[in-house]
Amino acid sequence: MLSHKKSLNILKKTNALLEGHFVLSSGLHSSKYVQCAKLLSFPFKAEIICKSLAKKIKKQFKKIDLILAPAMGGIIIGYEIGRILKKETIFCERVKGKFALRRGFDIKKGSKVLIVEDVITTGKSSMECLKLIKKAKAFFVGYACIIDRSSNKSLKIKKNIVSHLKIDVPTYKSDELPKALKLIPITIPGSRFIK
């Protein structure tokens, strides 16, 4: 498996992990920003990380019938993990604000389903995927992601997470910023608007 140091090096070289002063989509401030889409724009580098994650998944979960990935971030990761593990892979997407299966995708009753994402922060998307698994009367196996940047206080899911890399990304309210962070100009990255 890929070492922590080599993994961080790949993430930094592809600009998937940036350092500075960021205002996240939650409105919170952070000194680090994770954007796995940047990693995925270099498939030959992403493949190395996905192979390492796939090894961890095989070690942790003995039986998987189906991989379910949430759109958008999980689609490519889910596909690559499914390709490596030789498993059927589908994705869910938002319809009127809620995850749904479309495009002829379905979850067979009794199947063992692994949820695969790019990044887990609060686990909100994963929990929404879990509802689809339960609705189909299938069995939930666990969660897998490239980066787990959750903290104990923010995470809605507490077990069965396999990640390629666990990264501590402290966040702060605007009135609680550390002195060093206040001195760095703010960048507002991301794919969602601040709410």
N, C-alpha and C. Protein backbone atom coordinates (compact mmCIF):
# COMPACT_ATOMS: atom_id res chain seq x y z
N MET A 1 0.84 -1.19 0.00
CA MET A 1 0.00 0.00 0.00
C MET A 1 0.88 1.25 0.00
N LEU A 2 0.34 2.29 -0.53
CA LEU A 2 1.06 3.56 -0.66
C LEU A 2 1.25 4.21 0.71
N SER A 3 2.43 4.71 0.98
CA SER A 3 2.70 5.34 2.27
C SER A 3 1.97 6.68 2.39
N HIS A 4 1.79 7.11 3.63
CA HIS A 4 1.14 8.40 3.92
C HIS A 4 1.91 9.54 3.24
N LYS A 5 3.24 9.50 3.35
CA LYS A 5 4.08 10.55 2.78
C LYS A 5 3.95 10.61 1.25
N LYS A 6 4.00 9.45 0.58
CA LYS A 6 3.88 9.43 -0.88
C LYS A 6 2.49 9.88 -1.32
N SER A 7 1.48 9.50 -0.55
CA SER A 7 0.10 9.90 -0.86
C SER A 7 -0.05 11.42 -0.78
N LEU A 8 0.45 12.01 0.30
CA LEU A 8 0.38 13.46 0.45
C LEU A 8 1.13 14.16 -0.68
N ASN A 9 2.26 13.60 -1.07
CA ASN A 9 3.05 14.16 -2.17
C ASN A 9 2.23 14.19 -3.47
N ILE A 10 1.54 13.09 -3.77
CA ILE A 10 0.71 13.04 -4.99
C ILE A 10 -0.41 14.06 -4.90
N LEU A 11 -1.07 14.15 -3.74
CA LEU A 11 -2.17 15.10 -3.58
C LEU A 11 -1.69 16.55 -3.74
N LYS A 12 -0.53 16.85 -3.20
CA LYS A 12 0.00 18.22 -3.31
C LYS A 12 0.45 18.52 -4.74
N LYS A 13 1.10 17.57 -5.40
CA LYS A 13 1.57 17.79 -6.78
C LYS A 13 0.42 17.99 -7.76
N THR A 14 -0.73 17.37 -7.49
CA THR A 14 -1.89 17.51 -8.38
C THR A 14 -2.81 18.65 -7.94
N ASN A 15 -2.44 19.36 -6.89
CA ASN A 15 -3.24 20.44 -6.30
C ASN A 15 -4.58 19.95 -5.74
N ALA A 16 -4.64 18.68 -5.37
CA ALA A 16 -5.82 18.13 -4.71
C ALA A 16 -5.82 18.50 -3.23
N LEU A 17 -4.66 18.84 -2.69
CA LEU A 17 -4.52 19.30 -1.31
C LEU A 17 -3.75 20.62 -1.35
N LEU A 18 -4.44 21.68 -0.97
CA LEU A 18 -3.84 23.01 -0.97
C LEU A 18 -3.72 23.52 0.46
N GLU A 19 -2.74 24.39 0.67
CA GLU A 19 -2.56 25.02 1.97
C GLU A 19 -2.64 26.52 1.79
N GLY A 20 -3.26 27.20 2.75
CA GLY A 20 -3.45 28.65 2.68
C GLY A 20 -4.54 29.03 3.68
N HIS A 21 -5.43 29.94 3.26
CA HIS A 21 -6.57 30.34 4.09
C HIS A 21 -7.80 30.26 3.20
N PHE A 22 -8.66 29.29 3.50
CA PHE A 22 -9.82 29.01 2.65
C PHE A 22 -11.12 29.19 3.41
N VAL A 23 -12.12 29.70 2.72
CA VAL A 23 -13.48 29.68 3.25
C VAL A 23 -14.18 28.55 2.51
N LEU A 24 -14.58 27.53 3.26
CA LEU A 24 -15.18 26.33 2.70
C LEU A 24 -16.66 26.56 2.38
N SER A 25 -17.28 25.61 1.68
CA SER A 25 -18.68 25.75 1.29
C SER A 25 -19.59 25.82 2.51
N SER A 26 -19.13 25.34 3.65
CA SER A 26 -19.89 25.42 4.90
C SER A 26 -19.87 26.83 5.49
N GLY A 27 -18.94 27.68 4.99
CA GLY A 27 -18.75 29.01 5.56
C GLY A 27 -17.64 29.03 6.61
N LEU A 28 -17.13 27.86 6.98
CA LEU A 28 -16.04 27.77 7.94
C LEU A 28 -14.70 28.05 7.26
N HIS A 29 -13.72 28.47 8.04
CA HIS A 29 -12.37 28.77 7.53
C HIS A 29 -11.46 27.59 7.82
N SER A 30 -10.45 27.39 6.97
CA SER A 30 -9.50 26.31 7.16
C SER A 30 -8.16 26.67 6.54
N SER A 31 -7.09 26.03 7.03
CA SER A 31 -5.76 26.24 6.46
C SER A 31 -5.47 25.23 5.35
N LYS A 32 -6.38 24.26 5.14
CA LYS A 32 -6.21 23.24 4.10
C LYS A 32 -7.51 23.13 3.30
N TYR A 33 -7.33 22.78 2.04
CA TYR A 33 -8.48 22.57 1.17
C TYR A 33 -8.26 21.31 0.34
N VAL A 34 -9.25 20.43 0.32
CA VAL A 34 -9.17 19.17 -0.41
C VAL A 34 -10.12 19.22 -1.60
N GLN A 35 -9.60 18.95 -2.79
CA GLN A 35 -10.41 18.89 -4.01
C GLN A 35 -9.93 17.70 -4.84
N CYS A 36 -10.57 16.55 -4.61
CA CYS A 36 -10.13 15.31 -5.29
C CYS A 36 -10.30 15.38 -6.80
N ALA A 37 -11.14 16.25 -7.31
CA ALA A 37 -11.29 16.38 -8.77
C ALA A 37 -9.95 16.73 -9.41
N LYS A 38 -9.11 17.47 -8.70
CA LYS A 38 -7.78 17.80 -9.23
C LYS A 38 -6.91 16.56 -9.35
N LEU A 39 -6.99 15.66 -8.37
CA LEU A 39 -6.27 14.40 -8.45
C LEU A 39 -6.76 13.60 -9.66
N LEU A 40 -8.07 13.56 -9.85
CA LEU A 40 -8.67 12.75 -10.91
C LEU A 40 -8.36 13.28 -12.30
N SER A 41 -7.90 14.52 -12.38
CA SER A 41 -7.51 15.05 -13.70
C SER A 41 -6.15 14.49 -14.15
N PHE A 42 -5.52 13.71 -13.27
CA PHE A 42 -4.29 12.98 -13.59
C PHE A 42 -4.56 11.49 -13.36
N PRO A 43 -5.25 10.81 -14.30
CA PRO A 43 -5.66 9.42 -14.09
C PRO A 43 -4.52 8.48 -13.72
N PHE A 44 -3.35 8.68 -14.26
CA PHE A 44 -2.22 7.81 -13.96
C PHE A 44 -1.76 7.95 -12.51
N LYS A 45 -1.99 9.10 -11.90
CA LYS A 45 -1.66 9.29 -10.48
C LYS A 45 -2.82 8.81 -9.60
N ALA A 46 -4.05 9.08 -10.04
CA ALA A 46 -5.23 8.64 -9.29
C ALA A 46 -5.28 7.11 -9.22
N GLU A 47 -4.84 6.46 -10.29
CA GLU A 47 -4.86 5.00 -10.33
C GLU A 47 -4.01 4.40 -9.20
N ILE A 48 -2.88 5.02 -8.92
CA ILE A 48 -1.99 4.54 -7.86
C ILE A 48 -2.71 4.58 -6.51
N ILE A 49 -3.39 5.69 -6.25
CA ILE A 49 -4.11 5.85 -4.99
C ILE A 49 -5.31 4.91 -4.93
N CYS A 50 -6.04 4.77 -6.04
CA CYS A 50 -7.20 3.88 -6.07
C CYS A 50 -6.80 2.42 -5.87
N LYS A 51 -5.67 2.00 -6.43
CA LYS A 51 -5.20 0.63 -6.22
C LYS A 51 -4.89 0.39 -4.74
N SER A 52 -4.29 1.36 -4.10
CA SER A 52 -3.97 1.25 -2.68
C SER A 52 -5.27 1.17 -1.85
N LEU A 53 -6.25 2.01 -2.19
CA LEU A 53 -7.54 1.98 -1.50
C LEU A 53 -8.23 0.64 -1.73
N ALA A 54 -8.18 0.12 -2.94
CA ALA A 54 -8.82 -1.16 -3.26
C ALA A 54 -8.24 -2.30 -2.40
N LYS A 55 -6.93 -2.26 -2.16
CA LYS A 55 -6.30 -3.28 -1.31
C LYS A 55 -6.87 -3.21 0.11
N LYS A 56 -7.05 -1.99 0.61
CA LYS A 56 -7.61 -1.82 1.96
C LYS A 56 -9.05 -2.32 2.01
N ILE A 57 -9.81 -2.03 0.95
CA ILE A 57 -11.21 -2.47 0.89
C ILE A 57 -11.28 -3.99 0.92
N LYS A 58 -10.45 -4.65 0.10
CA LYS A 58 -10.45 -6.12 0.05
C LYS A 58 -10.10 -6.73 1.41
N LYS A 59 -9.20 -6.07 2.12
CA LYS A 59 -8.78 -6.56 3.43
C LYS A 59 -9.90 -6.39 4.47
N GLN A 60 -10.63 -5.27 4.39
CA GLN A 60 -11.65 -4.93 5.40
C GLN A 60 -13.00 -5.61 5.13
N PHE A 61 -13.42 -5.66 3.87
CA PHE A 61 -14.75 -6.16 3.53
C PHE A 61 -14.63 -7.41 2.68
N LYS A 62 -15.09 -8.52 3.22
CA LYS A 62 -14.91 -9.82 2.55
C LYS A 62 -15.85 -10.03 1.38
N LYS A 63 -17.07 -9.52 1.44
CA LYS A 63 -18.05 -9.78 0.39
C LYS A 63 -18.73 -8.48 -0.03
N ILE A 64 -18.59 -8.13 -1.31
CA ILE A 64 -19.24 -6.95 -1.89
C ILE A 64 -19.87 -7.39 -3.20
N ASP A 65 -21.15 -7.05 -3.38
CA ASP A 65 -21.83 -7.35 -4.63
C ASP A 65 -21.92 -6.12 -5.54
N LEU A 66 -22.00 -4.95 -4.91
CA LEU A 66 -22.27 -3.72 -5.65
C LEU A 66 -21.59 -2.53 -4.99
N ILE A 67 -21.12 -1.61 -5.83
CA ILE A 67 -20.58 -0.34 -5.33
C ILE A 67 -21.56 0.76 -5.71
N LEU A 68 -21.90 1.60 -4.72
CA LEU A 68 -22.79 2.74 -4.94
C LEU A 68 -22.00 4.01 -4.66
N ALA A 69 -21.97 4.92 -5.63
CA ALA A 69 -21.23 6.18 -5.47
C ALA A 69 -22.18 7.36 -5.63
N PRO A 70 -22.04 8.38 -4.79
CA PRO A 70 -22.86 9.58 -4.96
C PRO A 70 -22.26 10.51 -6.02
N ALA A 71 -23.13 11.08 -6.85
CA ALA A 71 -22.68 12.06 -7.84
C ALA A 71 -22.42 13.38 -7.11
N MET A 72 -21.52 14.11 -7.50
CA MET A 72 -20.59 14.03 -8.59
C MET A 72 -19.28 13.39 -8.15
N GLY A 73 -18.83 13.77 -6.96
CA GLY A 73 -17.48 13.41 -6.53
C GLY A 73 -17.16 11.93 -6.50
N GLY A 74 -18.14 11.09 -6.24
CA GLY A 74 -17.86 9.67 -6.10
C GLY A 74 -17.87 8.87 -7.38
N ILE A 75 -18.39 9.44 -8.47
CA ILE A 75 -18.58 8.66 -9.69
C ILE A 75 -17.28 8.06 -10.23
N ILE A 76 -16.26 8.88 -10.41
CA ILE A 76 -15.01 8.38 -10.99
C ILE A 76 -14.31 7.43 -10.02
N ILE A 77 -14.30 7.77 -8.74
CA ILE A 77 -13.67 6.90 -7.74
C ILE A 77 -14.41 5.56 -7.70
N GLY A 78 -15.73 5.61 -7.66
CA GLY A 78 -16.52 4.38 -7.65
C GLY A 78 -16.23 3.52 -8.87
N TYR A 79 -16.17 4.15 -10.04
CA TYR A 79 -15.88 3.42 -11.27
C TYR A 79 -14.51 2.74 -11.18
N GLU A 80 -13.51 3.49 -10.74
CA GLU A 80 -12.14 2.94 -10.69
C GLU A 80 -12.04 1.81 -9.66
N ILE A 81 -12.66 1.98 -8.51
CA ILE A 81 -12.63 0.91 -7.49
C ILE A 81 -13.40 -0.31 -8.02
N GLY A 82 -14.53 -0.09 -8.67
CA GLY A 82 -15.29 -1.19 -9.26
C GLY A 82 -14.49 -1.92 -10.33
N ARG A 83 -13.74 -1.17 -11.12
CA ARG A 83 -12.90 -1.78 -12.17
C ARG A 83 -11.82 -2.66 -11.54
N ILE A 84 -11.16 -2.13 -10.52
CA ILE A 84 -10.08 -2.87 -9.86
C ILE A 84 -10.62 -4.13 -9.16
N LEU A 85 -11.76 -3.97 -8.46
CA LEU A 85 -12.32 -5.09 -7.70
C LEU A 85 -13.22 -5.98 -8.55
N LYS A 86 -13.46 -5.57 -9.80
CA LYS A 86 -14.33 -6.33 -10.72
C LYS A 86 -15.75 -6.45 -10.14
N LYS A 87 -16.30 -5.31 -9.72
CA LYS A 87 -17.65 -5.25 -9.15
C LYS A 87 -18.53 -4.29 -9.94
N GLU A 88 -19.80 -4.62 -10.03
CA GLU A 88 -20.76 -3.70 -10.65
C GLU A 88 -20.76 -2.40 -9.85
N THR A 89 -20.80 -1.30 -10.56
CA THR A 89 -20.76 0.01 -9.91
C THR A 89 -21.84 0.90 -10.49
N ILE A 90 -22.63 1.51 -9.61
CA ILE A 90 -23.68 2.43 -10.04
C ILE A 90 -23.51 3.73 -9.26
N PHE A 91 -24.25 4.76 -9.69
CA PHE A 91 -24.21 6.00 -8.92
C PHE A 91 -25.61 6.54 -8.73
N CYS A 92 -25.75 7.33 -7.69
CA CYS A 92 -27.01 8.03 -7.44
C CYS A 92 -26.77 9.51 -7.67
N GLU A 93 -27.84 10.22 -7.97
CA GLU A 93 -27.71 11.65 -8.23
C GLU A 93 -28.91 12.38 -7.64
N ARG A 94 -28.74 13.66 -7.45
CA ARG A 94 -29.80 14.45 -6.82
C ARG A 94 -30.94 14.72 -7.81
N VAL A 95 -32.14 14.45 -7.33
CA VAL A 95 -33.36 14.77 -8.04
C VAL A 95 -34.22 15.53 -7.04
N LYS A 96 -34.48 16.80 -7.33
CA LYS A 96 -35.23 17.67 -6.42
C LYS A 96 -34.60 17.67 -5.02
N GLY A 97 -33.26 17.69 -4.98
CA GLY A 97 -32.54 17.82 -3.73
C GLY A 97 -32.24 16.53 -2.98
N LYS A 98 -32.76 15.39 -3.45
CA LYS A 98 -32.53 14.12 -2.76
C LYS A 98 -31.88 13.12 -3.70
N PHE A 99 -31.01 12.26 -3.15
CA PHE A 99 -30.38 11.23 -3.97
C PHE A 99 -31.42 10.22 -4.44
N ALA A 100 -31.28 9.86 -5.71
CA ALA A 100 -32.16 8.86 -6.31
C ALA A 100 -31.36 8.05 -7.32
N LEU A 101 -31.84 6.86 -7.61
CA LEU A 101 -31.25 6.05 -8.66
C LEU A 101 -31.99 6.35 -9.95
N ARG A 102 -31.25 6.60 -11.01
CA ARG A 102 -31.83 6.89 -12.32
C ARG A 102 -31.09 6.04 -13.34
N ARG A 103 -31.33 6.29 -14.62
CA ARG A 103 -30.60 5.68 -15.73
C ARG A 103 -30.69 4.14 -15.75
N GLY A 104 -31.74 3.61 -15.15
CA GLY A 104 -31.91 2.16 -15.12
C GLY A 104 -31.14 1.45 -14.02
N PHE A 105 -30.46 2.22 -13.15
CA PHE A 105 -29.73 1.61 -12.04
C PHE A 105 -30.70 1.11 -10.98
N ASP A 106 -30.36 -0.01 -10.35
CA ASP A 106 -31.12 -0.47 -9.21
C ASP A 106 -30.22 -1.26 -8.26
N ILE A 107 -30.70 -1.41 -7.06
CA ILE A 107 -29.99 -2.17 -6.03
C ILE A 107 -30.84 -3.41 -5.78
N LYS A 108 -30.28 -4.57 -6.02
CA LYS A 108 -31.03 -5.81 -5.84
C LYS A 108 -31.22 -6.12 -4.36
N LYS A 109 -32.42 -6.57 -4.04
CA LYS A 109 -32.74 -6.97 -2.67
C LYS A 109 -31.73 -8.03 -2.21
N GLY A 110 -31.21 -7.84 -0.99
CA GLY A 110 -30.27 -8.81 -0.41
C GLY A 110 -28.82 -8.65 -0.83
N SER A 111 -28.55 -7.74 -1.78
CA SER A 111 -27.16 -7.55 -2.21
C SER A 111 -26.35 -6.81 -1.15
N LYS A 112 -25.04 -7.03 -1.18
CA LYS A 112 -24.13 -6.39 -0.22
C LYS A 112 -23.49 -5.19 -0.91
N VAL A 113 -23.76 -3.99 -0.37
CA VAL A 113 -23.41 -2.74 -1.05
C VAL A 113 -22.37 -1.94 -0.28
N LEU A 114 -21.34 -1.51 -1.00
CA LEU A 114 -20.29 -0.63 -0.46
C LEU A 114 -20.50 0.76 -1.04
N ILE A 115 -20.50 1.77 -0.19
CA ILE A 115 -20.61 3.17 -0.64
C ILE A 115 -19.20 3.71 -0.82
N VAL A 116 -18.90 4.27 -2.00
CA VAL A 116 -17.57 4.81 -2.30
C VAL A 116 -17.68 6.29 -2.64
N GLU A 117 -16.88 7.10 -1.95
CA GLU A 117 -16.85 8.55 -2.18
C GLU A 117 -15.42 9.02 -2.40
N ASP A 118 -15.28 10.26 -2.84
CA ASP A 118 -13.94 10.84 -2.95
C ASP A 118 -13.47 11.30 -1.57
N VAL A 119 -14.28 12.13 -0.90
CA VAL A 119 -13.93 12.68 0.41
C VAL A 119 -15.11 12.52 1.35
N ILE A 120 -14.84 12.11 2.57
CA ILE A 120 -15.89 12.11 3.61
C ILE A 120 -15.52 13.19 4.61
N THR A 121 -16.46 14.12 4.79
CA THR A 121 -16.26 15.20 5.76
C THR A 121 -17.25 15.04 6.91
N THR A 122 -18.54 15.19 6.61
CA THR A 122 -19.56 15.01 7.65
C THR A 122 -20.26 13.66 7.50
N GLY A 123 -20.18 13.07 6.32
CA GLY A 123 -20.86 11.81 6.06
C GLY A 123 -22.29 11.99 5.57
N LYS A 124 -22.68 13.24 5.31
CA LYS A 124 -24.06 13.53 4.91
C LYS A 124 -24.44 12.79 3.61
N SER A 125 -23.61 12.87 2.58
CA SER A 125 -23.91 12.18 1.32
C SER A 125 -23.97 10.68 1.51
N SER A 126 -23.05 10.15 2.31
CA SER A 126 -23.03 8.71 2.57
C SER A 126 -24.30 8.26 3.27
N MET A 127 -24.77 9.07 4.21
CA MET A 127 -26.01 8.72 4.93
C MET A 127 -27.20 8.73 3.97
N GLU A 128 -27.19 9.65 3.01
CA GLU A 128 -28.27 9.67 2.02
C GLU A 128 -28.21 8.43 1.13
N CYS A 129 -27.00 7.99 0.79
CA CYS A 129 -26.84 6.75 0.01
C CYS A 129 -27.35 5.55 0.79
N LEU A 130 -27.09 5.54 2.08
CA LEU A 130 -27.52 4.45 2.96
C LEU A 130 -29.04 4.28 2.91
N LYS A 131 -29.77 5.38 2.83
CA LYS A 131 -31.24 5.32 2.74
C LYS A 131 -31.67 4.54 1.49
N LEU A 132 -30.95 4.73 0.38
CA LEU A 132 -31.29 4.00 -0.85
C LEU A 132 -31.06 2.49 -0.69
N ILE A 133 -30.00 2.14 0.03
CA ILE A 133 -29.69 0.73 0.28
C ILE A 133 -30.77 0.09 1.14
N LYS A 134 -31.16 0.80 2.20
CA LYS A 134 -32.20 0.28 3.10
C LYS A 134 -33.54 0.16 2.37
N LYS A 135 -33.86 1.15 1.55
CA LYS A 135 -35.11 1.14 0.80
C LYS A 135 -35.18 -0.08 -0.14
N ALA A 136 -34.03 -0.48 -0.67
CA ALA A 136 -33.96 -1.64 -1.58
C ALA A 136 -33.90 -2.97 -0.81
N LYS A 137 -33.89 -2.91 0.52
CA LYS A 137 -33.77 -4.11 1.37
C LYS A 137 -32.48 -4.88 1.06
N ALA A 138 -31.43 -4.10 0.83
CA ALA A 138 -30.10 -4.66 0.59
C ALA A 138 -29.29 -4.50 1.88
N PHE A 139 -28.07 -5.06 1.89
CA PHE A 139 -27.22 -5.00 3.07
C PHE A 139 -26.11 -3.98 2.85
N PHE A 140 -25.94 -3.12 3.82
CA PHE A 140 -24.86 -2.12 3.81
C PHE A 140 -23.59 -2.77 4.32
N VAL A 141 -22.51 -2.70 3.54
CA VAL A 141 -21.22 -3.28 3.92
C VAL A 141 -20.37 -2.26 4.67
N GLY A 142 -20.23 -1.04 4.10
CA GLY A 142 -19.40 -0.02 4.71
C GLY A 142 -19.18 1.13 3.75
N TYR A 143 -18.28 2.05 4.16
CA TYR A 143 -17.93 3.23 3.37
C TYR A 143 -16.46 3.16 2.98
N ALA A 144 -16.14 3.66 1.80
CA ALA A 144 -14.74 3.77 1.40
C ALA A 144 -14.55 5.13 0.73
N CYS A 145 -13.39 5.73 0.94
CA CYS A 145 -13.11 7.04 0.35
C CYS A 145 -11.61 7.21 0.17
N ILE A 146 -11.25 8.12 -0.70
CA ILE A 146 -9.83 8.44 -0.86
C ILE A 146 -9.35 9.19 0.38
N ILE A 147 -10.11 10.22 0.77
CA ILE A 147 -9.70 11.03 1.92
C ILE A 147 -10.82 11.10 2.95
N ASP A 148 -10.47 10.76 4.17
CA ASP A 148 -11.37 10.94 5.31
C ASP A 148 -10.86 12.18 6.04
N ARG A 149 -11.61 13.27 5.90
CA ARG A 149 -11.19 14.50 6.58
C ARG A 149 -12.18 14.89 7.66
N SER A 150 -12.90 13.87 8.14
CA SER A 150 -13.90 14.10 9.18
C SER A 150 -13.24 14.29 10.54
N SER A 151 -13.98 14.91 11.40
CA SER A 151 -13.58 14.99 12.81
C SER A 151 -14.68 14.29 13.59
N ASN A 152 -14.37 13.88 14.81
CA ASN A 152 -15.37 13.16 15.61
C ASN A 152 -16.64 13.97 15.81
N LYS A 153 -16.50 15.28 15.93
CA LYS A 153 -17.70 16.10 16.18
C LYS A 153 -18.53 16.34 14.93
N SER A 154 -17.91 16.29 13.73
CA SER A 154 -18.66 16.58 12.51
C SER A 154 -19.25 15.35 11.84
N LEU A 155 -18.71 14.18 12.16
CA LEU A 155 -19.07 12.98 11.43
C LEU A 155 -20.39 12.38 11.89
N LYS A 156 -21.29 12.16 10.94
CA LYS A 156 -22.58 11.55 11.24
C LYS A 156 -22.49 10.03 11.25
N ILE A 157 -21.47 9.48 10.58
CA ILE A 157 -21.25 8.03 10.58
C ILE A 157 -20.06 7.73 11.48
N LYS A 158 -20.11 6.63 12.18
CA LYS A 158 -19.08 6.38 13.18
C LYS A 158 -18.26 5.11 12.94
N LYS A 159 -18.70 4.24 12.01
CA LYS A 159 -17.95 3.00 11.84
C LYS A 159 -17.98 2.54 10.39
N ASN A 160 -17.16 1.53 10.12
CA ASN A 160 -17.07 0.91 8.80
C ASN A 160 -16.57 1.86 7.71
N ILE A 161 -15.64 2.75 8.06
CA ILE A 161 -15.04 3.64 7.07
C ILE A 161 -13.62 3.15 6.75
N VAL A 162 -13.37 2.92 5.47
CA VAL A 162 -12.02 2.60 5.01
C VAL A 162 -11.60 3.77 4.13
N SER A 163 -10.49 4.39 4.47
CA SER A 163 -10.01 5.50 3.65
C SER A 163 -8.57 5.24 3.24
N HIS A 164 -8.23 5.80 2.10
CA HIS A 164 -6.82 5.71 1.69
C HIS A 164 -5.98 6.56 2.62
N LEU A 165 -6.52 7.71 3.01
CA LEU A 165 -5.78 8.68 3.80
C LEU A 165 -6.70 9.40 4.76
N LYS A 166 -6.29 9.51 6.01
CA LYS A 166 -7.01 10.31 7.01
C LYS A 166 -6.22 11.60 7.17
N ILE A 167 -6.89 12.73 6.92
CA ILE A 167 -6.22 14.03 7.02
C ILE A 167 -6.98 14.89 8.02
N ASP A 168 -6.24 15.46 8.96
CA ASP A 168 -6.84 16.37 9.93
C ASP A 168 -6.92 17.76 9.29
N VAL A 169 -8.13 18.23 9.10
CA VAL A 169 -8.34 19.55 8.50
C VAL A 169 -9.16 20.37 9.49
N PRO A 170 -8.50 21.08 10.40
CA PRO A 170 -9.24 21.88 11.37
C PRO A 170 -10.01 23.01 10.68
N THR A 171 -11.20 23.28 11.19
CA THR A 171 -12.01 24.38 10.66
C THR A 171 -12.36 25.34 11.80
N TYR A 172 -12.61 26.59 11.41
CA TYR A 172 -12.85 27.64 12.40
C TYR A 172 -13.98 28.55 11.94
N LYS A 173 -14.74 29.04 12.90
CA LYS A 173 -15.72 30.08 12.61
C LYS A 173 -14.94 31.38 12.40
N SER A 174 -15.51 32.30 11.65
CA SER A 174 -14.78 33.54 11.31
C SER A 174 -14.35 34.34 12.54
N ASP A 175 -15.07 34.23 13.64
CA ASP A 175 -14.70 34.98 14.84
C ASP A 175 -13.77 34.19 15.78
N GLU A 176 -13.32 33.00 15.32
CA GLU A 176 -12.43 32.18 16.15
C GLU A 176 -11.13 31.82 15.42
N LEU A 177 -10.72 32.63 14.44
CA LEU A 177 -9.55 32.31 13.64
C LEU A 177 -8.25 32.43 14.44
N PRO A 178 -7.33 31.46 14.27
CA PRO A 178 -6.00 31.60 14.89
C PRO A 178 -5.27 32.79 14.26
N LYS A 179 -4.37 33.39 15.01
CA LYS A 179 -3.64 34.58 14.54
C LYS A 179 -2.93 34.32 13.21
N ALA A 180 -2.27 33.18 13.09
CA ALA A 180 -1.50 32.87 11.87
C ALA A 180 -2.42 32.80 10.65
N LEU A 181 -3.61 32.29 10.81
CA LEU A 181 -4.55 32.17 9.68
C LEU A 181 -5.09 33.54 9.27
N LYS A 182 -5.26 34.43 10.23
CA LYS A 182 -5.76 35.78 9.93
C LYS A 182 -4.81 36.54 9.00
N LEU A 183 -3.52 36.21 9.04
CA LEU A 183 -2.51 36.92 8.26
C LEU A 183 -2.47 36.49 6.79
N ILE A 184 -3.13 35.37 6.46
CA ILE A 184 -3.10 34.83 5.09
C ILE A 184 -4.33 35.30 4.33
N PRO A 185 -4.15 35.82 3.10
CA PRO A 185 -5.31 36.25 2.31
C PRO A 185 -6.29 35.08 2.08
N ILE A 186 -7.58 35.40 2.07
CA ILE A 186 -8.63 34.39 1.93
C ILE A 186 -8.83 33.98 0.48
N THR A 187 -9.01 32.66 0.27
CA THR A 187 -9.39 32.09 -1.02
C THR A 187 -10.72 31.38 -0.80
N ILE A 188 -11.64 31.54 -1.75
CA ILE A 188 -12.92 30.84 -1.66
C ILE A 188 -12.98 29.84 -2.80
N PRO A 189 -12.56 28.58 -2.53
CA PRO A 189 -12.55 27.55 -3.57
C PRO A 189 -13.88 26.82 -3.60
N GLY A 190 -13.92 25.73 -4.36
CA GLY A 190 -15.05 24.81 -4.25
C GLY A 190 -15.99 24.82 -5.41
N SER A 191 -16.89 23.87 -5.35
CA SER A 191 -17.85 23.70 -6.43
C SER A 191 -19.27 24.06 -6.01
N ARG A 192 -19.43 24.44 -4.73
CA ARG A 192 -20.75 24.83 -4.26
C ARG A 192 -20.70 26.25 -3.74
N PHE A 193 -21.83 26.91 -3.78
CA PHE A 193 -21.90 28.27 -3.25
C PHE A 193 -22.02 28.20 -1.73
N ILE A 194 -21.46 29.18 -1.06
CA ILE A 194 -21.56 29.27 0.39
C ILE A 194 -23.01 29.57 0.73
N LYS A 195 -23.50 28.88 1.74
CA LYS A 195 -24.91 29.07 2.15
C LYS A 195 -24.98 29.96 3.35
